[in-house]
PDB file of N, CA and C in Angstrom:
ATOM      1  N   MET A   1       0.890  -1.018   0.166  1.00  0.00           N
ATOM      2  CA  MET A   1       0.626   0.211  -0.092  1.00  0.00           C
ATOM      3  C   MET A   1       1.286   1.454  -0.275  1.00  0.00           C
ATOM      4  N   VAL A   2       0.897   2.239  -0.949  1.00  0.00           N
ATOM      5  CA  VAL A   2       0.656   3.442  -0.750  1.00  0.00           C
ATOM      6  C   VAL A   2       0.119   4.985  -0.369  1.00  0.00           C
ATOM      7  N   GLU A   3       0.831   5.699   0.146  1.00  0.00           N
ATOM      8  CA  GLU A   3      -0.188   6.263   0.271  1.00  0.00           C
ATOM      9  C   GLU A   3       0.762   7.708  -0.605  1.00  0.00           C
ATOM     10  N   MET A   4      -0.749   8.341  -1.531  1.00  0.00           N
ATOM     11  CA  MET A   4       0.324   9.048  -2.954  1.00  0.00           C
ATOM     12  C   MET A   4      -0.141  10.586  -2.830  1.00  0.00           C
ATOM     13  N   ASP A   5       0.143  11.327  -3.660  1.00  0.00           N
ATOM     14  CA  ASP A   5       0.554  12.874  -3.335  1.00  0.00           C
ATOM     15  C   ASP A   5      -0.215  13.565  -4.551  1.00  0.00           C
ATOM     16  N   GLY A   6      -0.518  12.296  -5.920  1.00  0.00           N
ATOM     17  CA  GLY A   6      -1.058  12.321  -6.615  1.00  0.00           C
ATOM     18  C   GLY A   6      -0.316  12.083  -7.698  1.00  0.00           C
ATOM     19  N   GLY A   7      -0.974  12.329  -9.628  1.00  0.00           N
ATOM     20  CA  GLY A   7       0.129  12.209 -10.207  1.00  0.00           C
ATOM     21  C   GLY A   7      -0.295  11.347 -10.934  1.00  0.00           C
ATOM     22  N   TYR A   8       0.257   9.751 -10.078  1.00  0.00           N
ATOM     23  CA  TYR A   8      -0.078   8.806 -11.464  1.00  0.00           C
ATOM     24  C   TYR A   8      -0.358   7.352 -10.294  1.00  0.00           C
ATOM     25  N   THR A   9      -0.145   6.741 -11.319  1.00  0.00           N
ATOM     26  CA  THR A   9      -0.785   5.103 -10.538  1.00  0.00           C
ATOM     27  C   THR A   9       0.190   3.907 -10.810  1.00  0.00           C
ATOM     28  N   LEU A  10       0.569   3.255 -10.213  1.00  0.00           N
ATOM     29  CA  LEU A  10       1.538   2.298 -10.691  1.00  0.00           C
ATOM     30  C   LEU A  10       1.002   1.326 -11.282  1.00  0.00           C
ATOM     31  N   PRO A  11       1.390   0.349 -12.255  1.00  0.00           N
ATOM     32  CA  PRO A  11       0.462  -0.594 -13.001  1.00  0.00           C
ATOM     33  C   PRO A  11       0.364  -1.643 -11.477  1.00  0.00           C
ATOM     34  N   GLY A  12      -1.146  -2.199 -11.947  1.00  0.00           N
ATOM     35  CA  GLY A  12      -1.603  -3.643 -11.181  1.00  0.00           C
ATOM     36  C   GLY A  12      -2.113  -2.836  -9.778  1.00  0.00           C
ATOM     37  N   MET A  13      -2.283  -1.654  -9.728  1.00  0.00           N
ATOM     38  CA  MET A  13      -2.917  -0.684  -8.500  1.00  0.00           C
ATOM     39  C   MET A  13      -3.983  -0.152  -9.136  1.00  0.00           C
ATOM     40  N   VAL A  14      -4.383   0.204  -7.477  1.00  0.00           N
ATOM     41  CA  VAL A  14      -6.179   0.930  -7.696  1.00  0.00           C
ATOM     42  C   VAL A  14      -5.934   2.030  -6.774  1.00  0.00           C
ATOM     43  N   THR A  15      -6.698   3.136  -7.160  1.00  0.00           N
ATOM     44  CA  THR A  15      -6.352   4.110  -6.701  1.00  0.00           C
ATOM     45  C   THR A  15      -7.753   4.290  -5.772  1.00  0.00           C
ATOM     46  N   LEU A  16      -7.724   5.022  -4.430  1.00  0.00           N
ATOM     47  CA  LEU A  16      -8.665   4.790  -3.485  1.00  0.00           C
ATOM     48  C   LEU A  16      -8.757   6.661  -2.511  1.00  0.00           C
ATOM     49  N   ARG A  17      -9.356   7.549  -3.098  1.00  0.00           N
ATOM     50  CA  ARG A  17      -9.779   8.885  -2.234  1.00  0.00           C
ATOM     51  C   ARG A  17     -10.732   8.571  -1.347  1.00  0.00           C
ATOM     52  N   ARG A  18      -9.956  10.001  -0.090  1.00  0.00           N
ATOM     53  CA  ARG A  18     -10.787  10.540   0.872  1.00  0.00           C
ATOM     54  C   ARG A  18     -10.062  11.602   1.563  1.00  0.00           C
ATOM     55  N   ARG A  19     -11.070  11.526   1.961  1.00  0.00           N
ATOM     56  CA  ARG A  19     -10.764  13.618   1.247  1.00  0.00           C
ATOM     57  C   ARG A  19      -9.718  14.271   0.757  1.00  0.00           C
ATOM     58  N   GLU A  20      -8.435  14.655   1.571  1.00  0.00           N
ATOM     59  CA  GLU A  20      -7.224  15.116   1.178  1.00  0.00           C
ATOM     60  C   GLU A  20      -5.936  13.654   0.453  1.00  0.00           C
ATOM     61  N   LYS A  21      -6.550  12.847   1.403  1.00  0.00           N
ATOM     62  CA  LYS A  21      -5.686  11.024   1.091  1.00  0.00           C
ATOM     63  C   LYS A  21      -5.900  10.906  -0.232  1.00  0.00           C
ATOM     64  N   ILE A  22      -4.989  10.226  -0.772  1.00  0.00           N
ATOM     65  CA  ILE A  22      -4.936   9.557  -2.081  1.00  0.00           C
ATOM     66  C   ILE A  22      -3.990   8.158  -2.120  1.00  0.00           C
ATOM     67  N   PHE A  23      -4.903   6.696  -1.833  1.00  0.00           N
ATOM     68  CA  PHE A  23      -3.690   5.301  -1.206  1.00  0.00           C
ATOM     69  C   PHE A  23      -3.693   4.852  -3.085  1.00  0.00           C
ATOM     70  N   SER A  24      -2.771   3.755  -3.003  1.00  0.00           N
ATOM     71  CA  SER A  24      -2.807   3.191  -4.435  1.00  0.00           C
ATOM     72  C   SER A  24      -2.497   1.892  -3.434  1.00  0.00           C
ATOM     73  N   VAL A  25      -2.871   1.184  -3.661  1.00  0.00           N
ATOM     74  CA  VAL A  25      -2.970  -0.713  -3.613  1.00  0.00           C
ATOM     75  C   VAL A  25      -3.180  -1.192  -4.531  1.00  0.00           C
ATOM     76  N   PRO A  26      -2.669  -2.543  -4.291  1.00  0.00           N
ATOM     77  CA  PRO A  26      -2.708  -3.185  -5.036  1.00  0.00           C
ATOM     78  C   PRO A  26      -3.890  -4.605  -5.789  1.00  0.00           C
ATOM     79  N   GLU A  27      -3.994  -4.207  -6.864  1.00  0.00           N
ATOM     80  CA  GLU A  27      -5.608  -5.257  -6.717  1.00  0.00           C
ATOM     81  C   GLU A  27      -5.529  -6.284  -6.691  1.00  0.00           C
ATOM     82  N   GLY A  28      -6.467  -7.385  -6.845  1.00  0.00           N
ATOM     83  CA  GLY A  28      -6.442  -8.732  -6.078  1.00  0.00           C
ATOM     84  C   GLY A  28      -7.217  -8.976  -4.894  1.00  0.00           C
ATOM     85  N   LYS A  29      -7.810  -8.080  -3.931  1.00  0.00           N
ATOM     86  CA  LYS A  29      -8.588  -8.143  -2.991  1.00  0.00           C
ATOM     87  C   LYS A  29     -10.003  -7.518  -2.846  1.00  0.00           C
ATOM     88  N   ASN A  30     -10.731  -7.514  -1.990  1.00  0.00           N
ATOM     89  CA  ASN A  30     -11.960  -7.168  -2.345  1.00  0.00           C
ATOM     90  C   ASN A  30     -12.186  -5.754  -1.480  1.00  0.00           C
ATOM     91  N   LEU A  31     -13.456  -4.775  -2.366  1.00  0.00           N
ATOM     92  CA  LEU A  31     -12.854  -3.500  -1.054  1.00  0.00           C
ATOM     93  C   LEU A  31     -13.401  -3.561   0.092  1.00  0.00           C
ATOM     94  N   GLU A  32     -13.418  -4.450   0.869  1.00  0.00           N
ATOM     95  CA  GLU A  32     -14.151  -4.599   2.145  1.00  0.00           C
ATOM     96  C   GLU A  32     -12.539  -5.203   3.031  1.00  0.00           C
ATOM     97  N   ARG A  33     -11.465  -6.074   2.308  1.00  0.00           N
ATOM     98  CA  ARG A  33     -10.407  -5.946   2.679  1.00  0.00           C
ATOM     99  C   ARG A  33      -9.048  -5.446   2.504  1.00  0.00           C
ATOM    100  N   ILE A  34      -9.087  -4.298   0.994  1.00  0.00           N
ATOM    101  CA  ILE A  34      -8.796  -2.748   0.975  1.00  0.00           C
ATOM    102  C   ILE A  34      -8.620  -2.308   2.349  1.00  0.00           C
ATOM    103  N   LEU A  35     -10.057  -1.939   2.550  1.00  0.00           N
ATOM    104  CA  LEU A  35     -10.728  -1.190   4.131  1.00  0.00           C
ATOM    105  C   LEU A  35      -9.884  -0.932   4.915  1.00  0.00           C
ATOM    106  N   ARG A  36     -10.229  -2.341   4.882  1.00  0.00           N
ATOM    107  CA  ARG A  36      -9.166  -2.503   6.148  1.00  0.00           C
ATOM    108  C   ARG A  36      -8.073  -3.070   6.807  1.00  0.00           C
ATOM    109  N   ASP A  37      -7.198  -3.578   5.201  1.00  0.00           N
ATOM    110  CA  ASP A  37      -5.547  -2.895   5.143  1.00  0.00           C
ATOM    111  C   ASP A  37      -5.418  -1.742   5.961  1.00  0.00           C
ATOM    112  N   LEU A  38      -6.112  -0.760   5.387  1.00  0.00           N
ATOM    113  CA  LEU A  38      -5.747   0.224   5.319  1.00  0.00           C
ATOM    114  C   LEU A  38      -6.149   1.223   6.779  1.00  0.00           C
ATOM    115  N   GLY A  39      -6.311  -0.013   7.569  1.00  0.00           N
ATOM    116  CA  GLY A  39      -7.453   0.849   8.734  1.00  0.00           C
ATOM    117  C   GLY A  39      -8.855   1.914   8.326  1.00  0.00           C
ATOM    118  N   ILE A  40      -9.249   1.057   7.840  1.00  0.00           N
ATOM    119  CA  ILE A  40     -10.470   1.674   7.373  1.00  0.00           C
ATOM    120  C   ILE A  40     -11.725   0.851   7.900  1.00  0.00           C
ATOM    121  N   LEU A  41     -12.608   1.013   8.845  1.00  0.00           N
ATOM    122  CA  LEU A  41     -13.944   0.334   8.997  1.00  0.00           C
ATOM    123  C   LEU A  41     -14.215   0.250   8.206  1.00  0.00           C
ATOM    124  N   PRO A  42     -14.979  -0.607   6.958  1.00  0.00           N
ATOM    125  CA  PRO A  42     -15.627  -0.444   5.888  1.00  0.00           C
ATOM    126  C   PRO A  42     -17.115   0.446   7.084  1.00  0.00           C
ATOM    127  N   GLU A  43     -17.638   0.137   7.674  1.00  0.00           N
ATOM    128  CA  GLU A  43     -18.987   0.398   7.892  1.00  0.00           C
ATOM    129  C   GLU A  43     -18.369   1.679   8.326  1.00  0.00           C
ATOM    130  N   THR A  44     -17.441   2.651   7.752  1.00  0.00           N
ATOM    131  CA  THR A  44     -18.040   4.209   8.234  1.00  0.00           C
ATOM    132  C   THR A  44     -17.416   4.574   7.114  1.00  0.00           C
ATOM    133  N   VAL A  45     -17.856   4.080   5.919  1.00  0.00           N
ATOM    134  CA  VAL A  45     -17.701   4.448   4.023  1.00  0.00           C
ATOM    135  C   VAL A  45     -18.706   4.851   3.367  1.00  0.00           C
ATOM    136  N   ILE A  46     -18.944   5.119   2.306  1.00  0.00           N
ATOM    137  CA  ILE A  46     -19.154   4.284   1.544  1.00  0.00           C
ATOM    138  C   ILE A  46     -18.639   3.875   0.493  1.00  0.00           C
ATOM    139  N   VAL A  47     -18.342   2.849  -0.583  1.00  0.00           N
ATOM    140  CA  VAL A  47     -17.566   3.302  -1.652  1.00  0.00           C
ATOM    141  C   VAL A  47     -17.905   3.477  -2.756  1.00  0.00           C
ATOM    142  N   VAL A  48     -17.327   4.962  -3.546  1.00  0.00           N
ATOM    143  CA  VAL A  48     -18.178   5.090  -5.074  1.00  0.00           C
ATOM    144  C   VAL A  48     -17.116   5.204  -6.277  1.00  0.00           C
ATOM    145  N   GLN A  49     -18.112   5.175  -7.247  1.00  0.00           N
ATOM    146  CA  GLN A  49     -17.046   5.553  -8.327  1.00  0.00           C
ATOM    147  C   GLN A  49     -17.813   5.313 -10.002  1.00  0.00           C
ATOM    148  N   ASN A  50     -18.046   6.580 -10.412  1.00  0.00           N
ATOM    149  CA  ASN A  50     -18.658   7.840 -10.994  1.00  0.00           C
ATOM    150  C   ASN A  50     -19.907   7.894 -10.551  1.00  0.00           C
ATOM    151  N   GLY A  51     -19.846   7.903  -9.528  1.00  0.00           N
ATOM    152  CA  GLY A  51     -21.509   8.614  -9.025  1.00  0.00           C
ATOM    153  C   GLY A  51     -22.324   7.185  -8.364  1.00  0.00           C
ATOM    154  N   LYS A  52     -21.485   5.933  -8.754  1.00  0.00           N
ATOM    155  CA  LYS A  52     -22.484   4.830  -8.211  1.00  0.00           C
ATOM    156  C   LYS A  52     -21.942   4.662  -7.618  1.00  0.00           C
ATOM    157  N   ILE A  53     -22.445   3.288  -6.276  1.00  0.00           N
ATOM    158  CA  ILE A  53     -22.345   3.034  -4.942  1.00  0.00           C
ATOM    159  C   ILE A  53     -21.820   1.190  -5.135  1.00  0.00           C
ATOM    160  N   ILE A  54     -20.586   1.089  -4.682  1.00  0.00           N
ATOM    161  CA  ILE A  54     -19.737  -0.268  -5.533  1.00  0.00           C
ATOM    162  C   ILE A  54     -20.432  -0.582  -4.128  1.00  0.00           C
ATOM    163  N   PRO A  55     -20.363  -2.095  -3.867  1.00  0.00           N
ATOM    164  CA  PRO A  55     -20.457  -3.164  -3.008  1.00  0.00           C
ATOM    165  C   PRO A  55     -18.743  -3.206  -2.509  1.00  0.00           C
ATOM    166  N   LEU A  56     -19.006  -3.612  -1.150  1.00  0.00           N
ATOM    167  CA  LEU A  56     -17.894  -4.185  -0.820  1.00  0.00           C
ATOM    168  C   LEU A  56     -17.359  -5.568  -1.401  1.00  0.00           C
ATOM    169  N   ASP A  57     -17.712  -6.293  -1.606  1.00  0.00           N
ATOM    170  CA  ASP A  57     -17.189  -7.766  -1.593  1.00  0.00           C
ATOM    171  C   ASP A  57     -16.424  -7.557  -3.519  1.00  0.00           C
ATOM    172  N   TYR A  58     -17.114  -6.384  -4.021  1.00  0.00           N
ATOM    173  CA  TYR A  58     -16.337  -6.072  -5.645  1.00  0.00           C
ATOM    174  C   TYR A  58     -14.415  -6.244  -5.460  1.00  0.00           C
ATOM    175  N   ARG A  59     -14.121  -6.472  -6.302  1.00  0.00           N
ATOM    176  CA  ARG A  59     -12.297  -6.547  -6.268  1.00  0.00           C
ATOM    177  C   ARG A  59     -12.752  -6.104  -7.926  1.00  0.00           C
ATOM    178  N   PRO A  60     -11.734  -4.416  -7.959  1.00  0.00           N
ATOM    179  CA  PRO A  60     -11.372  -3.842  -8.221  1.00  0.00           C
ATOM    180  C   PRO A  60      -9.935  -4.025  -9.237  1.00  0.00           C
ATOM    181  N   ARG A  61     -10.192  -3.404 -10.145  1.00  0.00           N
ATOM    182  CA  ARG A  61      -9.170  -3.329 -11.538  1.00  0.00           C
ATOM    183  C   ARG A  61      -8.193  -3.162 -11.531  1.00  0.00           C
ATOM    184  N   ASP A  62      -7.425  -3.154 -12.161  1.00  0.00           N
ATOM    185  CA  ASP A  62      -5.908  -2.261 -12.585  1.00  0.00           C
ATOM    186  C   ASP A  62      -6.408  -0.435 -13.025  1.00  0.00           C
ATOM    187  N   GLY A  63      -5.883   0.001 -12.186  1.00  0.00           N
ATOM    188  CA  GLY A  63      -6.508   1.406 -13.113  1.00  0.00           C
ATOM    189  C   GLY A  63      -7.486   2.424 -12.560  1.00  0.00           C
ATOM    190  N   GLU A  64      -8.397   1.322 -11.524  1.00  0.00           N
ATOM    191  CA  GLU A  64     -10.076   2.017 -11.159  1.00  0.00           C
ATOM    192  C   GLU A  64      -9.604   2.792  -9.877  1.00  0.00           C
ATOM    193  N   GLU A  65     -10.444   3.784 -10.119  1.00  0.00           N
ATOM    194  CA  GLU A  65     -10.244   4.767  -9.591  1.00  0.00           C
ATOM    195  C   GLU A  65     -11.675   4.895  -8.274  1.00  0.00           C
ATOM    196  N   PHE A  66     -11.277   5.056  -6.921  1.00  0.00           N
ATOM    197  CA  PHE A  66     -12.550   5.138  -5.881  1.00  0.00           C
ATOM    198  C   PHE A  66     -12.969   6.241  -5.268  1.00  0.00           C
ATOM    199  N   GLU A  67     -13.574   6.760  -5.087  1.00  0.00           N
ATOM    200  CA  GLU A  67     -14.045   7.657  -3.561  1.00  0.00           C
ATOM    201  C   GLU A  67     -14.534   6.865  -2.848  1.00  0.00           C
ATOM    202  N   LEU A  68     -14.165   7.712  -1.526  1.00  0.00           N
ATOM    203  CA  LEU A  68     -14.616   7.081  -0.240  1.00  0.00           C
ATOM    204  C   LEU A  68     -14.854   8.201   0.545  1.00  0.00           C
ATOM    205  N   ILE A  69     -16.487   8.132   0.843  1.00  0.00           N
ATOM    206  CA  ILE A  69     -17.626   9.054   1.743  1.00  0.00           C
ATOM    207  C   ILE A  69     -17.573   9.066   2.710  1.00  0.00           C
ATOM    208  N   ASP A  70     -16.995   9.604   3.717  1.00  0.00           N
ATOM    209  CA  ASP A  70     -17.492   8.968   5.345  1.00  0.00           C
ATOM    210  C   ASP A  70     -18.869   8.960   5.344  1.00  0.00           C
ATOM    211  N   VAL A  71     -19.137   8.216   5.754  1.00  0.00           N
ATOM    212  CA  VAL A  71     -21.034   7.885   6.147  1.00  0.00           C
ATOM    213  C   VAL A  71     -20.821   8.905   7.556  1.00  0.00           C
ATOM    214  N   ILE A  72     -21.590   9.624   8.162  1.00  0.00           N
ATOM    215  CA  ILE A  72     -22.713  10.479   9.163  1.00  0.00           C
ATOM    216  C   ILE A  72     -23.574   9.814   9.729  1.00  0.00           C
ATOM    217  N   SER A  73     -23.126   9.381  10.886  1.00  0.00           N
ATOM    218  CA  SER A  73     -24.881   9.384  11.994  1.00  0.00           C
ATOM    219  C   SER A  73     -24.970   9.153  13.079  1.00  0.00           C
ATOM    220  N   GLY A  74     -25.813   9.837  13.586  1.00  0.00           N
ATOM    221  CA  GLY A  74     -26.108  10.598  14.855  1.00  0.00           C
ATOM    222  C   GLY A  74     -28.206  10.341  15.007  1.00  0.00           C
ATOM    223  N   GLY A  75     -28.238  11.267  16.221  1.00  0.00           N
ATOM    224  CA  GLY A  75     -29.220  10.786  16.731  1.00  0.00           C
ATOM    225  C   GLY A  75     -30.193  12.058  17.246  1.00  0.00           C
TER     226      GLY A  75
END
């Protein structure tokens, strides 16, 4: 896993953006595993690609990019 400043993505990598942070991770794992490996609880974010919510069991492929939207809850 690599936290990137922006610019480019290495071959075989997937990009996730959360607020100001950009993560580049190897393809091959599903989104839930990727999030956990990054120390992000899957239930605290929604994964979005091109305006669509992506299920956590999805396995990203080389070059795909995703946005992580924080879930806000309260009472």
